[in-house]
Protein backbone atom coordinates (compact mmCIF):
# COMPACT_ATOMS: atom_id res chain seq x y z
CA UNK A 1 144.49 96.38 18.50
CA UNK A 2 145.59 94.86 21.83
CA UNK A 3 145.15 91.04 23.16
CA UNK A 4 141.38 89.82 24.19
CA UNK A 5 140.92 90.21 28.28
CA UNK A 6 143.25 88.25 30.36
CA UNK A 7 145.66 86.71 27.84
CA UNK A 8 148.41 87.71 29.12
CA UNK A 9 147.31 85.18 31.82
CA UNK A 10 147.52 81.94 29.76
CA UNK A 11 150.49 79.35 30.10
CA UNK A 12 149.19 76.70 29.94
CA UNK A 13 146.62 74.66 26.86
CA UNK A 14 144.04 73.95 29.54
CA UNK A 15 144.29 77.23 30.33
CA UNK A 16 143.78 78.43 26.62
CA UNK A 17 141.60 75.66 25.96
CA UNK A 18 139.22 76.85 28.36
CA UNK A 19 140.13 80.83 27.65
CA UNK A 20 139.38 80.16 23.90
CA UNK A 21 135.74 78.13 24.45
CA UNK A 22 135.08 81.66 26.80
CA UNK A 23 135.63 83.80 23.55
CA UNK A 24 133.87 81.64 21.22
CA UNK A 25 130.79 82.55 23.38
CA UNK A 26 130.91 86.17 22.63
CA UNK A 27 130.27 85.17 18.82
CA UNK A 28 127.53 86.68 18.30
CA UNK A 29 126.06 83.54 15.88
CA UNK A 30 125.75 80.51 16.93
CA UNK A 31 126.85 78.18 14.31
CA UNK A 32 129.73 80.65 13.84
CA UNK A 33 130.46 79.60 17.26
CA UNK A 34 129.40 76.02 17.09
CA UNK A 35 132.07 75.95 14.52
CA UNK A 36 134.63 77.57 16.08
CA UNK A 37 134.22 75.60 19.72
CA UNK A 38 134.60 72.49 16.49
CA UNK A 39 138.33 73.50 15.24
CA UNK A 40 139.50 74.91 18.96
CA UNK A 41 138.30 70.61 20.31
CA UNK A 42 140.36 69.41 17.66
CA UNK A 43 142.96 71.35 17.62
CA UNK A 44 143.39 70.92 20.95
CA UNK A 45 143.32 66.89 20.58
CA UNK A 46 145.99 67.85 18.06
CA UNK A 47 147.99 69.19 20.38
CA UNK A 48 147.60 66.95 22.76
CA UNK A 49 151.60 64.79 22.94
CA UNK A 50 152.83 68.33 22.08
CA UNK A 51 155.60 68.23 25.29
CA UNK A 52 158.23 70.74 24.37
CA UNK A 53 156.84 74.28 26.39
CA UNK A 54 159.11 76.65 23.89
CA UNK A 55 156.51 75.16 20.96
CA UNK A 56 153.61 74.81 24.15
CA UNK A 57 154.74 78.86 24.35
CA UNK A 58 154.36 79.48 20.25
CA UNK A 59 151.36 77.83 20.27
CA UNK A 60 149.35 79.36 22.42
CA UNK A 61 151.18 83.10 21.31
CA UNK A 62 148.94 82.35 17.94
CA UNK A 63 145.91 80.79 19.55
CA UNK A 64 145.39 83.60 20.90
CA UNK A 65 146.48 86.07 17.59
CA UNK A 66 143.94 84.04 15.97
CA UNK A 67 141.10 84.51 18.74
CA UNK A 68 142.06 87.97 18.86
CA UNK A 69 141.43 88.18 14.56
CA UNK A 70 138.37 86.82 14.95
CA UNK A 71 136.94 88.72 17.52
CA UNK A 72 137.63 91.37 16.09
CA UNK A 73 136.53 91.13 12.50
């Protein structure tokens, strides 16, 4: 399956954060949305001090792949 719309525009951690929160709005049930919003916020906090550009790009790529999987299941 192709990535979610505008996934190719995500270049920074803040853009990723906002993109993932927007994706959550498309989920069907409120409790599912709350769960994923919480997970996104926690992950953002855990990786907030990451300064290696290669590692940041890996995290972004993996998060978009995971979001794609969640949205298509």
